[in-house]
Amino acid sequence: MSARDAIEQAGGLHSIGDLAERWGITKQWARMLARRDGFPAPVLTSGGRELWFGDEADAAFIAHEERMVARSRRIGPRS
């Protein structure tokens, strides 16, 4: 398997801007998420831009969203 194929199998390489667009959030929010515990480290930096495997970043984003939903259920509706 070539390196290109392996990268594609891992969901491609994505910058913060790419991830923000992929998830429908702002770049600022994507940057904040990328700095939290549990978010994978960038796999490389190219031209000063950090890049993540799409599958790893997506899994971290989904886990974060699931935690937020679970938390909101524990807290209940706001009055």
PDB file of N, CA and C in Angstrom:
ATOM      1  N   MET A   1       0.856  -1.174   0.000  1.00  0.00           N
ATOM      2  CA  MET A   1       0.000   0.000   0.000  1.00  0.00           C
ATOM      3  C   MET A   1       0.905   1.241   0.000  1.00  0.00           C
ATOM      4  N   SER A   2       0.549   2.189  -0.821  1.00  0.00           N
ATOM      5  CA  SER A   2       1.335   3.422  -0.878  1.00  0.00           C
ATOM      6  C   SER A   2       0.955   4.352   0.275  1.00  0.00           C
ATOM      7  N   ALA A   3       1.814   5.312   0.536  1.00  0.00           N
ATOM      8  CA  ALA A   3       1.535   6.310   1.587  1.00  0.00           C
ATOM      9  C   ALA A   3       0.255   7.072   1.247  1.00  0.00           C
ATOM     10  N   ARG A   4       0.077   7.383  -0.001  1.00  0.00           N
ATOM     11  CA  ARG A   4      -1.129   8.107  -0.435  1.00  0.00           C
ATOM     12  C   ARG A   4      -2.387   7.294  -0.125  1.00  0.00           C
ATOM     13  N   ASP A   5      -2.327   5.998  -0.403  1.00  0.00           N
ATOM     14  CA  ASP A   5      -3.474   5.129  -0.112  1.00  0.00           C
ATOM     15  C   ASP A   5      -3.746   5.056   1.385  1.00  0.00           C
ATOM     16  N   ALA A   6      -2.674   4.961   2.179  1.00  0.00           N
ATOM     17  CA  ALA A   6      -2.830   4.892   3.634  1.00  0.00           C
ATOM     18  C   ALA A   6      -3.458   6.174   4.171  1.00  0.00           C
ATOM     19  N   ILE A   7      -3.040   7.315   3.645  1.00  0.00           N
ATOM     20  CA  ILE A   7      -3.618   8.599   4.075  1.00  0.00           C
ATOM     21  C   ILE A   7      -5.095   8.651   3.704  1.00  0.00           C
ATOM     22  N   GLU A   8      -5.421   8.222   2.518  1.00  0.00           N
ATOM     23  CA  GLU A   8      -6.830   8.215   2.096  1.00  0.00           C
ATOM     24  C   GLU A   8      -7.662   7.285   2.968  1.00  0.00           C
ATOM     25  N   GLN A   9      -7.105   6.143   3.335  1.00  0.00           N
ATOM     26  CA  GLN A   9      -7.831   5.214   4.206  1.00  0.00           C
ATOM     27  C   GLN A   9      -8.047   5.795   5.593  1.00  0.00           C
ATOM     28  N   ALA A  10      -7.193   6.726   5.998  1.00  0.00           N
ATOM     29  CA  ALA A  10      -7.312   7.366   7.311  1.00  0.00           C
ATOM     30  C   ALA A  10      -8.195   8.610   7.243  1.00  0.00           C
ATOM     31  N   GLY A  11      -8.876   8.793   6.129  1.00  0.00           N
ATOM     32  CA  GLY A  11      -9.792   9.928   5.997  1.00  0.00           C
ATOM     33  C   GLY A  11      -9.165  11.176   5.422  1.00  0.00           C
ATOM     34  N   GLY A  12      -7.962  11.061   4.882  1.00  0.00           N
ATOM     35  CA  GLY A  12      -7.282  12.208   4.294  1.00  0.00           C
ATOM     36  C   GLY A  12      -6.660  13.098   5.359  1.00  0.00           C
ATOM     37  N   LEU A  13      -5.939  14.114   4.901  1.00  0.00           N
ATOM     38  CA  LEU A  13      -5.320  15.087   5.791  1.00  0.00           C
ATOM     39  C   LEU A  13      -6.138  16.369   5.765  1.00  0.00           C
ATOM     40  N   HIS A  14      -6.379  16.938   6.947  1.00  0.00           N
ATOM     41  CA  HIS A  14      -7.246  18.112   7.043  1.00  0.00           C
ATOM     42  C   HIS A  14      -6.664  19.162   7.974  1.00  0.00           C
ATOM     43  N   SER A  15      -6.754  20.412   7.548  1.00  0.00           N
ATOM     44  CA  SER A  15      -6.366  21.548   8.379  1.00  0.00           C
ATOM     45  C   SER A  15      -7.534  21.921   9.286  1.00  0.00           C
ATOM     46  N   ILE A  16      -7.297  22.855  10.186  1.00  0.00           N
ATOM     47  CA  ILE A  16      -8.381  23.342  11.051  1.00  0.00           C
ATOM     48  C   ILE A  16      -9.527  23.883  10.193  1.00  0.00           C
ATOM     49  N   GLY A  17      -9.205  24.624   9.162  1.00  0.00           N
ATOM     50  CA  GLY A  17     -10.252  25.159   8.281  1.00  0.00           C
ATOM     51  C   GLY A  17     -11.060  24.059   7.619  1.00  0.00           C
ATOM     52  N   ASP A  18     -10.362  23.020   7.170  1.00  0.00           N
ATOM     53  CA  ASP A  18     -11.045  21.871   6.562  1.00  0.00           C
ATOM     54  C   ASP A  18     -11.978  21.201   7.566  1.00  0.00           C
ATOM     55  N   LEU A  19     -11.464  21.003   8.794  1.00  0.00           N
ATOM     56  CA  LEU A  19     -12.271  20.334   9.818  1.00  0.00           C
ATOM     57  C   LEU A  19     -13.489  21.174  10.181  1.00  0.00           C
ATOM     58  N   ALA A  20     -13.299  22.480  10.314  1.00  0.00           N
ATOM     59  CA  ALA A  20     -14.417  23.365  10.644  1.00  0.00           C
ATOM     60  C   ALA A  20     -15.505  23.265   9.576  1.00  0.00           C
ATOM     61  N   GLU A  21     -15.097  23.302   8.331  1.00  0.00           N
ATOM     62  CA  GLU A  21     -16.072  23.190   7.237  1.00  0.00           C
ATOM     63  C   GLU A  21     -16.744  21.818   7.251  1.00  0.00           C
ATOM     64  N   ARG A  22     -15.964  20.792   7.475  1.00  0.00           N
ATOM     65  CA  ARG A  22     -16.472  19.409   7.502  1.00  0.00           C
ATOM     66  C   ARG A  22     -17.534  19.237   8.584  1.00  0.00           C
ATOM     67  N   TRP A  23     -17.332  19.896   9.747  1.00  0.00           N
ATOM     68  CA  TRP A  23     -18.227  19.753  10.889  1.00  0.00           C
ATOM     69  C   TRP A  23     -19.284  20.836  10.974  1.00  0.00           C
ATOM     70  N   GLY A  24     -19.217  21.852  10.111  1.00  0.00           N
ATOM     71  CA  GLY A  24     -20.212  22.928  10.135  1.00  0.00           C
ATOM     72  C   GLY A  24     -20.065  23.853  11.337  1.00  0.00           C
ATOM     73  N   ILE A  25     -18.814  24.087  11.751  1.00  0.00           N
ATOM     74  CA  ILE A  25     -18.556  24.980  12.878  1.00  0.00           C
ATOM     75  C   ILE A  25     -17.542  26.036  12.446  1.00  0.00           C
ATOM     76  N   THR A  26     -17.298  27.010  13.311  1.00  0.00           N
ATOM     77  CA  THR A  26     -16.322  28.041  12.980  1.00  0.00           C
ATOM     78  C   THR A  26     -14.901  27.515  13.144  1.00  0.00           C
ATOM     79  N   LYS A  27     -13.959  28.185  12.481  1.00  0.00           N
ATOM     80  CA  LYS A  27     -12.550  27.822  12.639  1.00  0.00           C
ATOM     81  C   LYS A  27     -12.113  28.020  14.087  1.00  0.00           C
ATOM     82  N   GLN A  28     -12.613  29.075  14.711  1.00  0.00           N
ATOM     83  CA  GLN A  28     -12.243  29.349  16.099  1.00  0.00           C
ATOM     84  C   GLN A  28     -12.666  28.189  17.006  1.00  0.00           C
ATOM     85  N   TRP A  29     -13.888  27.708  16.835  1.00  0.00           N
ATOM     86  CA  TRP A  29     -14.368  26.596  17.652  1.00  0.00           C
ATOM     87  C   TRP A  29     -13.572  25.321  17.341  1.00  0.00           C
ATOM     88  N   ALA A  30     -13.258  25.092  16.079  1.00  0.00           N
ATOM     89  CA  ALA A  30     -12.456  23.913  15.709  1.00  0.00           C
ATOM     90  C   ALA A  30     -11.075  23.991  16.354  1.00  0.00           C
ATOM     91  N   ARG A  31     -10.461  25.193  16.371  1.00  0.00           N
ATOM     92  CA  ARG A  31      -9.159  25.362  17.030  1.00  0.00           C
ATOM     93  C   ARG A  31      -9.255  25.042  18.519  1.00  0.00           C
ATOM     94  N   MET A  32     -10.318  25.524  19.152  1.00  0.00           N
ATOM     95  CA  MET A  32     -10.502  25.254  20.579  1.00  0.00           C
ATOM     96  C   MET A  32     -10.637  23.753  20.844  1.00  0.00           C
ATOM     97  N   LEU A  33     -11.425  23.069  20.020  1.00  0.00           N
ATOM     98  CA  LEU A  33     -11.594  21.624  20.180  1.00  0.00           C
ATOM     99  C   LEU A  33     -10.272  20.887  19.989  1.00  0.00           C
ATOM    100  N   ALA A  34      -9.474  21.327  19.029  1.00  0.00           N
ATOM    101  CA  ALA A  34      -8.208  20.661  18.728  1.00  0.00           C
ATOM    102  C   ALA A  34      -7.196  20.800  19.861  1.00  0.00           C
ATOM    103  N   ARG A  35      -7.405  21.738  20.755  1.00  0.00           N
ATOM    104  CA  ARG A  35      -6.483  21.944  21.883  1.00  0.00           C
ATOM    105  C   ARG A  35      -6.942  21.223  23.152  1.00  0.00           C
ATOM    106  N   ARG A  36      -8.113  20.606  23.111  1.00  0.00           N
ATOM    107  CA  ARG A  36      -8.636  19.915  24.294  1.00  0.00           C
ATOM    108  C   ARG A  36      -8.033  18.536  24.446  1.00  0.00           C
ATOM    109  N   ASP A  37      -8.035  18.080  25.714  1.00  0.00           N
ATOM    110  CA  ASP A  37      -7.598  16.709  25.983  1.00  0.00           C
ATOM    111  C   ASP A  37      -8.489  15.751  25.208  1.00  0.00           C
ATOM    112  N   GLY A  38      -7.894  14.700  24.722  1.00  0.00           N
ATOM    113  CA  GLY A  38      -8.656  13.693  23.997  1.00  0.00           C
ATOM    114  C   GLY A  38      -8.675  13.915  22.497  1.00  0.00           C
ATOM    115  N   PHE A  39      -8.263  15.106  22.046  1.00  0.00           N
ATOM    116  CA  PHE A  39      -8.204  15.346  20.605  1.00  0.00           C
ATOM    117  C   PHE A  39      -6.839  14.862  20.128  1.00  0.00           C
ATOM    118  N   PRO A  40      -6.789  14.151  19.008  1.00  0.00           N
ATOM    119  CA  PRO A  40      -5.496  13.630  18.557  1.00  0.00           C
ATOM    120  C   PRO A  40      -4.528  14.756  18.202  1.00  0.00           C
ATOM    121  N   ALA A  41      -3.262  14.470  18.354  1.00  0.00           N
ATOM    122  CA  ALA A  41      -2.233  15.420  17.944  1.00  0.00           C
ATOM    123  C   ALA A  41      -2.209  15.487  16.416  1.00  0.00           C
ATOM    124  N   PRO A  42      -1.826  16.619  15.870  1.00  0.00           N
ATOM    125  CA  PRO A  42      -1.685  16.682  14.408  1.00  0.00           C
ATOM    126  C   PRO A  42      -0.663  15.647  13.947  1.00  0.00           C
ATOM    127  N   VAL A  43      -0.889  15.085  12.781  1.00  0.00           N
ATOM    128  CA  VAL A  43       0.051  14.083  12.272  1.00  0.00           C
ATOM    129  C   VAL A  43       1.247  14.724  11.594  1.00  0.00           C
ATOM    130  N   LEU A  44       1.087  15.956  11.159  1.00  0.00           N
ATOM    131  CA  LEU A  44       2.206  16.673  10.587  1.00  0.00           C
ATOM    132  C   LEU A  44       1.878  18.150  10.479  1.00  0.00           C
ATOM    133  N   THR A  45       2.918  18.930  10.329  1.00  0.00           N
ATOM    134  CA  THR A  45       2.767  20.356  10.091  1.00  0.00           C
ATOM    135  C   THR A  45       3.411  20.645   8.749  1.00  0.00           C
ATOM    136  N   SER A  46       2.673  21.319   7.884  1.00  0.00           N
ATOM    137  CA  SER A  46       3.160  21.631   6.547  1.00  0.00           C
ATOM    138  C   SER A  46       2.906  23.106   6.268  1.00  0.00           C
ATOM    139  N   GLY A  47       3.953  23.834   5.980  1.00  0.00           N
ATOM    140  CA  GLY A  47       3.789  25.260   5.699  1.00  0.00           C
ATOM    141  C   GLY A  47       3.203  26.010   6.879  1.00  0.00           C
ATOM    142  N   GLY A  48       3.502  25.561   8.089  1.00  0.00           N
ATOM    143  CA  GLY A  48       2.979  26.205   9.288  1.00  0.00           C
ATOM    144  C   GLY A  48       1.560  25.792   9.645  1.00  0.00           C
ATOM    145  N   ARG A  49       0.972  24.926   8.847  1.00  0.00           N
ATOM    146  CA  ARG A  49      -0.399  24.455   9.109  1.00  0.00           C
ATOM    147  C   ARG A  49      -0.362  23.049   9.679  1.00  0.00           C
ATOM    148  N   GLU A  50      -1.059  22.867  10.799  1.00  0.00           N
ATOM    149  CA  GLU A  50      -1.176  21.538  11.388  1.00  0.00           C
ATOM    150  C   GLU A  50      -2.215  20.750  10.603  1.00  0.00           C
ATOM    151  N   LEU A  51      -1.945  19.456  10.431  1.00  0.00           N
ATOM    152  CA  LEU A  51      -2.843  18.588   9.669  1.00  0.00           C
ATOM    153  C   LEU A  51      -3.167  17.349  10.490  1.00  0.00           C
ATOM    154  N   TRP A  52      -4.433  16.949  10.421  1.00  0.00           N
ATOM    155  CA  TRP A  52      -4.933  15.780  11.145  1.00  0.00           C
ATOM    156  C   TRP A  52      -5.485  14.775  10.161  1.00  0.00           C
ATOM    157  N   PHE A  53      -5.439  13.481  10.563  1.00  0.00           N
ATOM    158  CA  PHE A  53      -6.161  12.466   9.806  1.00  0.00           C
ATOM    159  C   PHE A  53      -7.645  12.710  10.032  1.00  0.00           C
ATOM    160  N   GLY A  54      -8.420  12.694   8.962  1.00  0.00           N
ATOM    161  CA  GLY A  54      -9.850  12.959   9.060  1.00  0.00           C
ATOM    162  C   GLY A  54     -10.586  12.014   9.989  1.00  0.00           C
ATOM    163  N   ASP A  55     -10.297  10.714   9.898  1.00  0.00           N
ATOM    164  CA  ASP A  55     -11.011   9.735  10.729  1.00  0.00           C
ATOM    165  C   ASP A  55     -10.758   9.955  12.216  1.00  0.00           C
ATOM    166  N   GLU A  56      -9.494  10.249  12.585  1.00  0.00           N
ATOM    167  CA  GLU A  56      -9.165  10.486  13.996  1.00  0.00           C
ATOM    168  C   GLU A  56      -9.837  11.761  14.507  1.00  0.00           C
ATOM    169  N   ALA A  57      -9.772  12.816  13.707  1.00  0.00           N
ATOM    170  CA  ALA A  57     -10.384  14.080  14.111  1.00  0.00           C
ATOM    171  C   ALA A  57     -11.902  13.940  14.205  1.00  0.00           C
ATOM    172  N   ASP A  58     -12.512  13.259  13.248  1.00  0.00           N
ATOM    173  CA  ASP A  58     -13.956  13.044  13.281  1.00  0.00           C
ATOM    174  C   ASP A  58     -14.377  12.274  14.529  1.00  0.00           C
ATOM    175  N   ALA A  59     -13.605  11.226  14.873  1.00  0.00           N
ATOM    176  CA  ALA A  59     -13.935  10.434  16.059  1.00  0.00           C
ATOM    177  C   ALA A  59     -13.864  11.295  17.322  1.00  0.00           C
ATOM    178  N   ALA A  60     -12.861  12.177  17.409  1.00  0.00           N
ATOM    179  CA  ALA A  60     -12.738  13.058  18.574  1.00  0.00           C
ATOM    180  C   ALA A  60     -13.883  14.057  18.610  1.00  0.00           C
ATOM    181  N   PHE A  61     -14.270  14.583  17.454  1.00  0.00           N
ATOM    182  CA  PHE A  61     -15.377  15.541  17.394  1.00  0.00           C
ATOM    183  C   PHE A  61     -16.687  14.869  17.801  1.00  0.00           C
ATOM    184  N   ILE A  62     -16.927  13.682  17.296  1.00  0.00           N
ATOM    185  CA  ILE A  62     -18.158  12.953  17.634  1.00  0.00           C
ATOM    186  C   ILE A  62     -18.189  12.637  19.125  1.00  0.00           C
ATOM    187  N   ALA A  63     -17.056  12.205  19.681  1.00  0.00           N
ATOM    188  CA  ALA A  63     -16.999  11.905  21.119  1.00  0.00           C
ATOM    189  C   ALA A  63     -17.306  13.166  21.931  1.00  0.00           C
ATOM    190  N   HIS A  64     -16.778  14.293  21.511  1.00  0.00           N
ATOM    191  CA  HIS A  64     -17.054  15.559  22.208  1.00  0.00           C
ATOM    192  C   HIS A  64     -18.547  15.887  22.149  1.00  0.00           C
ATOM    193  N   GLU A  65     -19.124  15.775  20.976  1.00  0.00           N
ATOM    194  CA  GLU A  65     -20.551  16.075  20.814  1.00  0.00           C
ATOM    195  C   GLU A  65     -21.409  15.137  21.659  1.00  0.00           C
ATOM    196  N   GLU A  66     -21.047  13.866  21.694  1.00  0.00           N
ATOM    197  CA  GLU A  66     -21.798  12.902  22.506  1.00  0.00           C
ATOM    198  C   GLU A  66     -21.703  13.246  23.989  1.00  0.00           C
ATOM    199  N   ARG A  67     -20.518  13.681  24.445  1.00  0.00           N
ATOM    200  CA  ARG A  67     -20.373  14.101  25.850  1.00  0.00           C
ATOM    201  C   ARG A  67     -21.254  15.308  26.145  1.00  0.00           C
ATOM    202  N   MET A  68     -21.328  16.241  25.199  1.00  0.00           N
ATOM    203  CA  MET A  68     -22.142  17.443  25.414  1.00  0.00           C
ATOM    204  C   MET A  68     -23.630  17.090  25.478  1.00  0.00           C
ATOM    205  N   VAL A  69     -24.075  16.168  24.633  1.00  0.00           N
ATOM    206  CA  VAL A  69     -25.478  15.735  24.656  1.00  0.00           C
ATOM    207  C   VAL A  69     -25.772  15.027  25.976  1.00  0.00           C
ATOM    208  N   ALA A  70     -24.887  14.131  26.388  1.00  0.00           N
ATOM    209  CA  ALA A  70     -25.088  13.418  27.654  1.00  0.00           C
ATOM    210  C   ALA A  70     -25.116  14.403  28.815  1.00  0.00           C
ATOM    211  N   ARG A  71     -24.241  15.371  28.798  1.00  0.00           N
ATOM    212  CA  ARG A  71     -24.200  16.382  29.857  1.00  0.00           C
ATOM    213  C   ARG A  71     -25.494  17.190  29.897  1.00  0.00           C
ATOM    214  N   SER A  72     -25.998  17.566  28.719  1.00  0.00           N
ATOM    215  CA  SER A  72     -27.225  18.371  28.694  1.00  0.00           C
ATOM    216  C   SER A  72     -28.411  17.548  29.193  1.00  0.00           C
ATOM    217  N   ARG A  73     -28.393  16.252  28.990  1.00  0.00           N
ATOM    218  CA  ARG A  73     -29.474  15.397  29.497  1.00  0.00           C
ATOM    219  C   ARG A  73     -29.414  15.291  31.019  1.00  0.00           C
ATOM    220  N   ARG A  74     -28.200  15.259  31.569  1.00  0.00           N
ATOM    221  CA  ARG A  74     -28.052  15.202  33.031  1.00  0.00           C
ATOM    222  C   ARG A  74     -28.494  16.515  33.678  1.00  0.00           C
ATOM    223  N   ILE A  75     -28.182  17.609  33.018  1.00  0.00           N
ATOM    224  CA  ILE A  75     -28.517  18.928  33.563  1.00  0.00           C
ATOM    225  C   ILE A  75     -30.002  19.208  33.399  1.00  0.00           C
ATOM    226  N   GLY A  76     -30.572  18.768  32.283  1.00  0.00           N
ATOM    227  CA  GLY A  76     -31.994  18.981  32.023  1.00  0.00           C
ATOM    228  C   GLY A  76     -32.248  20.309  31.332  1.00  0.00           C
ATOM    229  N   PRO A  77     -33.487  20.560  30.992  1.00  0.00           N
ATOM    230  CA  PRO A  77     -33.834  21.792  30.275  1.00  0.00           C
ATOM    231  C   PRO A  77     -33.600  23.010  31.159  1.00  0.00           C
ATOM    232  N   ARG A  78     -33.249  24.098  30.510  1.00  0.00           N
ATOM    233  CA  ARG A  78     -33.054  25.357  31.233  1.00  0.00           C
ATOM    234  C   ARG A  78     -34.386  26.027  31.459  1.00  0.00           C
ATOM    235  N   SER A  79     -34.513  26.644  32.595  1.00  0.00           N
ATOM    236  CA  SER A  79     -35.762  27.339  32.924  1.00  0.00           C
ATOM    237  C   SER A  79     -35.682  28.789  32.596  1.00  0.00           C
TER     238      SER A  79
END
